[in-house]
């Protein structure tokens, strides 16, 4: 379920990548991502804390993480 203002999607083909999960958890300043044994978990309670820093987008392969602004048409 998305937040009020932001949703984050991780592509299915990299969602179980443990190295990517650890990197996303490390770079996100507001703890949207958690690295688990199963890969990337998105902490939905933190979605609206996103500061749009794009660190997750830079850490992931192109197009594999999306930050979707729900307040733009």
PDB file of N, CA and C in Angstrom:
ATOM      1  N   UNK A   1       0.844  -1.179   0.000  1.00  0.00           N
ATOM      2  CA  UNK A   1       0.000   0.000   0.000  1.00  0.00           C
ATOM      3  C   UNK A   1       0.890   1.244   0.000  1.00  0.00           C
ATOM      4  N   UNK A   2       0.630   2.188  -0.864  1.00  0.00           N
ATOM      5  CA  UNK A   2       1.451   3.396  -0.919  1.00  0.00           C
ATOM      6  C   UNK A   2       1.164   4.318   0.254  1.00  0.00           C
ATOM      7  N   UNK A   3       2.084   5.271   0.451  1.00  0.00           N
ATOM      8  CA  UNK A   3       1.852   6.324   1.423  1.00  0.00           C
ATOM      9  C   UNK A   3       0.862   7.326   0.845  1.00  0.00           C
ATOM     10  N   UNK A   4       0.665   8.422   1.532  1.00  0.00           N
ATOM     11  CA  UNK A   4      -0.231   9.460   1.021  1.00  0.00           C
ATOM     12  C   UNK A   4       0.380  10.216  -0.144  1.00  0.00           C
ATOM     13  N   UNK A   5       1.697  10.419  -0.096  1.00  0.00           N
ATOM     14  CA  UNK A   5       2.359  11.260  -1.080  1.00  0.00           C
ATOM     15  C   UNK A   5       3.321  10.505  -1.997  1.00  0.00           C
ATOM     16  N   UNK A   6       3.857   9.403  -1.508  1.00  0.00           N
ATOM     17  CA  UNK A   6       4.919   8.687  -2.212  1.00  0.00           C
ATOM     18  C   UNK A   6       4.622   7.193  -2.229  1.00  0.00           C
ATOM     19  N   UNK A   7       4.989   6.553  -3.319  1.00  0.00           N
ATOM     20  CA  UNK A   7       5.045   5.092  -3.369  1.00  0.00           C
ATOM     21  C   UNK A   7       6.417   4.728  -3.920  1.00  0.00           C
ATOM     22  N   UNK A   8       6.933   3.601  -3.510  1.00  0.00           N
ATOM     23  CA  UNK A   8       8.235   3.119  -3.977  1.00  0.00           C
ATOM     24  C   UNK A   8       8.040   1.711  -4.508  1.00  0.00           C
ATOM     25  N   UNK A   9       8.581   1.471  -5.667  1.00  0.00           N
ATOM     26  CA  UNK A   9       8.509   0.144  -6.287  1.00  0.00           C
ATOM     27  C   UNK A   9       9.923  -0.346  -6.565  1.00  0.00           C
ATOM     28  N   UNK A  10      10.144  -1.635  -6.307  1.00  0.00           N
ATOM     29  CA  UNK A  10      11.399  -2.300  -6.652  1.00  0.00           C
ATOM     30  C   UNK A  10      11.038  -3.396  -7.647  1.00  0.00           C
ATOM     31  N   UNK A  11      11.731  -3.428  -8.770  1.00  0.00           N
ATOM     32  CA  UNK A  11      11.436  -4.401  -9.825  1.00  0.00           C
ATOM     33  C   UNK A  11      11.553  -5.825  -9.296  1.00  0.00           C
ATOM     34  N   UNK A  12      10.640  -6.665  -9.728  1.00  0.00           N
ATOM     35  CA  UNK A  12      10.607  -8.056  -9.275  1.00  0.00           C
ATOM     36  C   UNK A  12      11.924  -8.790  -9.523  1.00  0.00           C
ATOM     37  N   UNK A  13      12.602  -8.477 -10.639  1.00  0.00           N
ATOM     38  CA  UNK A  13      13.813  -9.224 -10.978  1.00  0.00           C
ATOM     39  C   UNK A  13      15.014  -8.872 -10.091  1.00  0.00           C
ATOM     40  N   UNK A  14      14.921  -7.822  -9.267  1.00  0.00           N
ATOM     41  CA  UNK A  14      16.011  -7.500  -8.339  1.00  0.00           C
ATOM     42  C   UNK A  14      15.555  -7.473  -6.882  1.00  0.00           C
ATOM     43  N   UNK A  15      14.291  -7.685  -6.647  1.00  0.00           N
ATOM     44  CA  UNK A  15      13.735  -7.619  -5.283  1.00  0.00           C
ATOM     45  C   UNK A  15      14.411  -8.600  -4.332  1.00  0.00           C
ATOM     46  N   UNK A  16      14.869  -9.733  -4.815  1.00  0.00           N
ATOM     47  CA  UNK A  16      15.490 -10.749  -3.954  1.00  0.00           C
ATOM     48  C   UNK A  16      17.021 -10.653  -3.921  1.00  0.00           C
ATOM     49  N   UNK A  17      17.580  -9.602  -4.480  1.00  0.00           N
ATOM     50  CA  UNK A  17      19.025  -9.400  -4.511  1.00  0.00           C
ATOM     51  C   UNK A  17      19.493  -8.884  -3.151  1.00  0.00           C
ATOM     52  N   UNK A  18      20.200  -9.726  -2.400  1.00  0.00           N
ATOM     53  CA  UNK A  18      20.635  -9.381  -1.040  1.00  0.00           C
ATOM     54  C   UNK A  18      21.604  -8.199  -1.029  1.00  0.00           C
ATOM     55  N   UNK A  19      22.490  -8.132  -2.010  1.00  0.00           N
ATOM     56  CA  UNK A  19      23.454  -7.030  -2.067  1.00  0.00           C
ATOM     57  C   UNK A  19      22.746  -5.705  -2.326  1.00  0.00           C
ATOM     58  N   UNK A  20      21.787  -5.708  -3.234  1.00  0.00           N
ATOM     59  CA  UNK A  20      21.027  -4.491  -3.507  1.00  0.00           C
ATOM     60  C   UNK A  20      20.203  -4.099  -2.289  1.00  0.00           C
ATOM     61  N   UNK A  21      19.600  -5.065  -1.632  1.00  0.00           N
ATOM     62  CA  UNK A  21      18.810  -4.785  -0.432  1.00  0.00           C
ATOM     63  C   UNK A  21      19.665  -4.092   0.624  1.00  0.00           C
ATOM     64  N   UNK A  22      20.866  -4.596   0.847  1.00  0.00           N
ATOM     65  CA  UNK A  22      21.768  -4.000   1.836  1.00  0.00           C
ATOM     66  C   UNK A  22      22.165  -2.583   1.434  1.00  0.00           C
ATOM     67  N   UNK A  23      22.402  -2.380   0.155  1.00  0.00           N
ATOM     68  CA  UNK A  23      22.797  -1.058  -0.331  1.00  0.00           C
ATOM     69  C   UNK A  23      21.652  -0.057  -0.165  1.00  0.00           C
ATOM     70  N   UNK A  24      20.437  -0.467  -0.497  1.00  0.00           N
ATOM     71  CA  UNK A  24      19.287   0.427  -0.356  1.00  0.00           C
ATOM     72  C   UNK A  24      19.041   0.784   1.105  1.00  0.00           C
ATOM     73  N   UNK A  25      19.160  -0.199   1.973  1.00  0.00           N
ATOM     74  CA  UNK A  25      18.990   0.059   3.403  1.00  0.00           C
ATOM     75  C   UNK A  25      20.046   1.051   3.897  1.00  0.00           C
ATOM     76  N   UNK A  26      21.263   0.902   3.415  1.00  0.00           N
ATOM     77  CA  UNK A  26      22.360   1.769   3.830  1.00  0.00           C
ATOM     78  C   UNK A  26      22.192   3.211   3.363  1.00  0.00           C
ATOM     79  N   UNK A  27      21.770   3.418   2.128  1.00  0.00           N
ATOM     80  CA  UNK A  27      21.747   4.776   1.576  1.00  0.00           C
ATOM     81  C   UNK A  27      20.504   5.583   1.934  1.00  0.00           C
ATOM     82  N   UNK A  28      19.414   4.944   2.280  1.00  0.00           N
ATOM     83  CA  UNK A  28      18.167   5.673   2.520  1.00  0.00           C
ATOM     84  C   UNK A  28      18.210   6.379   3.878  1.00  0.00           C
ATOM     85  N   UNK A  29      18.137   7.717   3.869  1.00  0.00           N
ATOM     86  CA  UNK A  29      18.221   8.457   5.126  1.00  0.00           C
ATOM     87  C   UNK A  29      16.962   8.372   5.990  1.00  0.00           C
ATOM     88  N   UNK A  30      15.867   7.851   5.448  1.00  0.00           N
ATOM     89  CA  UNK A  30      14.621   7.781   6.214  1.00  0.00           C
ATOM     90  C   UNK A  30      14.110   6.347   6.383  1.00  0.00           C
ATOM     91  N   UNK A  31      14.968   5.384   6.161  1.00  0.00           N
ATOM     92  CA  UNK A  31      14.685   3.962   6.439  1.00  0.00           C
ATOM     93  C   UNK A  31      13.440   3.427   5.749  1.00  0.00           C
ATOM     94  N   UNK A  32      13.354   3.663   4.454  1.00  0.00           N
ATOM     95  CA  UNK A  32      12.245   3.102   3.674  1.00  0.00           C
ATOM     96  C   UNK A  32      12.521   1.641   3.327  1.00  0.00           C
ATOM     97  N   UNK A  33      13.791   1.275   3.220  1.00  0.00           N
ATOM     98  CA  UNK A  33      14.168  -0.075   2.805  1.00  0.00           C
ATOM     99  C   UNK A  33      14.765  -0.852   3.980  1.00  0.00           C
ATOM    100  N   UNK A  34      14.456  -2.151   4.021  1.00  0.00           N
ATOM    101  CA  UNK A  34      15.069  -3.054   4.995  1.00  0.00           C
ATOM    102  C   UNK A  34      15.606  -4.252   4.225  1.00  0.00           C
ATOM    103  N   UNK A  35      16.839  -4.619   4.525  1.00  0.00           N
ATOM    104  CA  UNK A  35      17.433  -5.816   3.934  1.00  0.00           C
ATOM    105  C   UNK A  35      17.030  -7.014   4.789  1.00  0.00           C
ATOM    106  N   UNK A  36      16.453  -8.020   4.144  1.00  0.00           N
ATOM    107  CA  UNK A  36      16.049  -9.237   4.846  1.00  0.00           C
ATOM    108  C   UNK A  36      16.669 -10.444   4.142  1.00  0.00           C
ATOM    109  N   UNK A  37      16.472 -11.600   4.718  1.00  0.00           N
ATOM    110  CA  UNK A  37      16.950 -12.827   4.076  1.00  0.00           C
ATOM    111  C   UNK A  37      16.273 -13.057   2.729  1.00  0.00           C
ATOM    112  N   UNK A  38      15.098 -12.462   2.551  1.00  0.00           N
ATOM    113  CA  UNK A  38      14.341 -12.610   1.307  1.00  0.00           C
ATOM    114  C   UNK A  38      14.602 -11.489   0.311  1.00  0.00           C
ATOM    115  N   UNK A  39      15.465 -10.520   0.670  1.00  0.00           N
ATOM    116  CA  UNK A  39      15.763  -9.413  -0.235  1.00  0.00           C
ATOM    117  C   UNK A  39      15.290  -8.090   0.326  1.00  0.00           C
ATOM    118  N   UNK A  40      14.753  -7.247  -0.538  1.00  0.00           N
ATOM    119  CA  UNK A  40      14.347  -5.894  -0.165  1.00  0.00           C
ATOM    120  C   UNK A  40      12.930  -5.902   0.399  1.00  0.00           C
ATOM    121  N   UNK A  41      12.777  -5.300   1.567  1.00  0.00           N
ATOM    122  CA  UNK A  41      11.454  -5.058   2.129  1.00  0.00           C
ATOM    123  C   UNK A  41      11.251  -3.543   2.152  1.00  0.00           C
ATOM    124  N   UNK A  42      10.091  -3.093   1.736  1.00  0.00           N
ATOM    125  CA  UNK A  42       9.758  -1.671   1.779  1.00  0.00           C
ATOM    126  C   UNK A  42       8.930  -1.429   3.037  1.00  0.00           C
ATOM    127  N   UNK A  43       9.410  -0.516   3.870  1.00  0.00           N
ATOM    128  CA  UNK A  43       8.718  -0.185   5.110  1.00  0.00           C
ATOM    129  C   UNK A  43       7.688   0.899   4.817  1.00  0.00           C
ATOM    130  N   UNK A  44       6.468   0.461   4.575  1.00  0.00           N
ATOM    131  CA  UNK A  44       5.409   1.357   4.112  1.00  0.00           C
ATOM    132  C   UNK A  44       5.128   2.486   5.089  1.00  0.00           C
ATOM    133  N   UNK A  45       5.308   2.263   6.372  1.00  0.00           N
ATOM    134  CA  UNK A  45       5.063   3.298   7.371  1.00  0.00           C
ATOM    135  C   UNK A  45       6.003   4.491   7.193  1.00  0.00           C
ATOM    136  N   UNK A  46       7.126   4.286   6.519  1.00  0.00           N
ATOM    137  CA  UNK A  46       8.113   5.353   6.336  1.00  0.00           C
ATOM    138  C   UNK A  46       8.039   6.033   4.975  1.00  0.00           C
ATOM    139  N   UNK A  47       7.150   5.591   4.104  1.00  0.00           N
ATOM    140  CA  UNK A  47       7.120   6.112   2.738  1.00  0.00           C
ATOM    141  C   UNK A  47       6.982   7.627   2.670  1.00  0.00           C
ATOM    142  N   UNK A  48       6.099   8.190   3.476  1.00  0.00           N
ATOM    143  CA  UNK A  48       5.883   9.629   3.393  1.00  0.00           C
ATOM    144  C   UNK A  48       6.992  10.444   4.053  1.00  0.00           C
ATOM    145  N   UNK A  49       7.998   9.765   4.595  1.00  0.00           N
ATOM    146  CA  UNK A  49       9.178  10.455   5.116  1.00  0.00           C
ATOM    147  C   UNK A  49      10.193  10.719   4.001  1.00  0.00           C
ATOM    148  N   UNK A  50       9.960  10.173   2.829  1.00  0.00           N
ATOM    149  CA  UNK A  50      10.886  10.316   1.703  1.00  0.00           C
ATOM    150  C   UNK A  50      11.187  11.789   1.432  1.00  0.00           C
ATOM    151  N   UNK A  51      12.467  12.100   1.300  1.00  0.00           N
ATOM    152  CA  UNK A  51      12.903  13.477   1.036  1.00  0.00           C
ATOM    153  C   UNK A  51      13.311  13.674  -0.425  1.00  0.00           C
ATOM    154  N   UNK A  52      13.006  12.685  -1.252  1.00  0.00           N
ATOM    155  CA  UNK A  52      13.285  12.746  -2.689  1.00  0.00           C
ATOM    156  C   UNK A  52      14.758  13.013  -2.982  1.00  0.00           C
ATOM    157  N   UNK A  53      15.628  12.366  -2.224  1.00  0.00           N
ATOM    158  CA  UNK A  53      17.070  12.572  -2.390  1.00  0.00           C
ATOM    159  C   UNK A  53      17.649  11.802  -3.572  1.00  0.00           C
ATOM    160  N   UNK A  54      16.918  10.809  -4.072  1.00  0.00           N
ATOM    161  CA  UNK A  54      17.323   9.980  -5.211  1.00  0.00           C
ATOM    162  C   UNK A  54      18.498   9.050  -4.925  1.00  0.00           C
ATOM    163  N   UNK A  55      18.915   8.911  -3.662  1.00  0.00           N
ATOM    164  CA  UNK A  55      20.025   8.005  -3.350  1.00  0.00           C
ATOM    165  C   UNK A  55      19.675   6.556  -3.682  1.00  0.00           C
ATOM    166  N   UNK A  56      18.427   6.170  -3.490  1.00  0.00           N
ATOM    167  CA  UNK A  56      18.021   4.803  -3.828  1.00  0.00           C
ATOM    168  C   UNK A  56      18.072   4.590  -5.343  1.00  0.00           C
ATOM    169  N   UNK A  57      17.692   5.616  -6.096  1.00  0.00           N
ATOM    170  CA  UNK A  57      17.725   5.509  -7.557  1.00  0.00           C
ATOM    171  C   UNK A  57      19.157   5.386  -8.063  1.00  0.00           C
ATOM    172  N   UNK A  58      20.073   6.091  -7.419  1.00  0.00           N
ATOM    173  CA  UNK A  58      21.483   6.031  -7.798  1.00  0.00           C
ATOM    174  C   UNK A  58      22.120   4.704  -7.383  1.00  0.00           C
ATOM    175  N   UNK A  59      21.643   4.102  -6.291  1.00  0.00           N
ATOM    176  CA  UNK A  59      22.219   2.862  -5.783  1.00  0.00           C
ATOM    177  C   UNK A  59      21.767   1.638  -6.578  1.00  0.00           C
ATOM    178  N   UNK A  60      20.634   1.738  -7.211  1.00  0.00           N
ATOM    179  CA  UNK A  60      20.060   0.600  -7.933  1.00  0.00           C
ATOM    180  C   UNK A  60      20.378   0.683  -9.426  1.00  0.00           C
ATOM    181  N   UNK A  61      20.340  -0.454 -10.099  1.00  0.00           N
ATOM    182  CA  UNK A  61      20.475  -0.421 -11.563  1.00  0.00           C
ATOM    183  C   UNK A  61      19.350   0.438 -12.157  1.00  0.00           C
ATOM    184  N   UNK A  62      19.629   1.050 -13.287  1.00  0.00           N
ATOM    185  CA  UNK A  62      18.662   1.954 -13.922  1.00  0.00           C
ATOM    186  C   UNK A  62      17.281   1.325 -14.058  1.00  0.00           C
ATOM    187  N   UNK A  63      16.290   2.059 -13.561  1.00  0.00           N
ATOM    188  CA  UNK A  63      14.909   1.650 -13.709  1.00  0.00           C
ATOM    189  C   UNK A  63      14.421   0.579 -12.761  1.00  0.00           C
ATOM    190  N   UNK A  64      15.269   0.090 -11.876  1.00  0.00           N
ATOM    191  CA  UNK A  64      14.879  -1.012 -10.991  1.00  0.00           C
ATOM    192  C   UNK A  64      14.203  -0.545  -9.712  1.00  0.00           C
ATOM    193  N   UNK A  65      14.412   0.708  -9.323  1.00  0.00           N
ATOM    194  CA  UNK A  65      13.703   1.314  -8.201  1.00  0.00           C
ATOM    195  C   UNK A  65      12.997   2.548  -8.741  1.00  0.00           C
ATOM    196  N   UNK A  66      11.736   2.688  -8.378  1.00  0.00           N
ATOM    197  CA  UNK A  66      10.949   3.850  -8.795  1.00  0.00           C
ATOM    198  C   UNK A  66      10.400   4.541  -7.564  1.00  0.00           C
ATOM    199  N   UNK A  67      10.512   5.844  -7.529  1.00  0.00           N
ATOM    200  CA  UNK A  67       9.848   6.665  -6.523  1.00  0.00           C
ATOM    201  C   UNK A  67       8.724   7.388  -7.244  1.00  0.00           C
ATOM    202  N   UNK A  68       7.507   7.077  -6.852  1.00  0.00           N
ATOM    203  CA  UNK A  68       6.337   7.588  -7.542  1.00  0.00           C
ATOM    204  C   UNK A  68       5.680   8.663  -6.675  1.00  0.00           C
ATOM    205  N   UNK A  69       5.614   9.862  -7.193  1.00  0.00           N
ATOM    206  CA  UNK A  69       4.971  10.980  -6.496  1.00  0.00           C
ATOM    207  C   UNK A  69       3.475  10.897  -6.753  1.00  0.00           C
ATOM    208  N   UNK A  70       2.707  10.628  -5.744  1.00  0.00           N
ATOM    209  CA  UNK A  70       1.275  10.436  -5.901  1.00  0.00           C
ATOM    210  C   UNK A  70       0.503  11.747  -5.979  1.00  0.00           C
ATOM    211  N   UNK A  71       1.183  12.850  -5.745  1.00  0.00           N
ATOM    212  CA  UNK A  71       0.515  14.145  -5.760  1.00  0.00           C
ATOM    213  C   UNK A  71       0.685  14.862  -7.090  1.00  0.00           C
ATOM    214  N   UNK A  72       1.368  14.267  -8.043  1.00  0.00           N
ATOM    215  CA  UNK A  72       1.506  14.851  -9.377  1.00  0.00           C
ATOM    216  C   UNK A  72       0.627  14.091 -10.346  1.00  0.00           C
ATOM    217  N   UNK A  73       0.082  14.802 -11.312  1.00  0.00           N
ATOM    218  CA  UNK A  73      -0.756  14.121 -12.307  1.00  0.00           C
ATOM    219  C   UNK A  73       0.083  13.569 -13.417  1.00  0.00           C
TER     220      UNK A  73
END
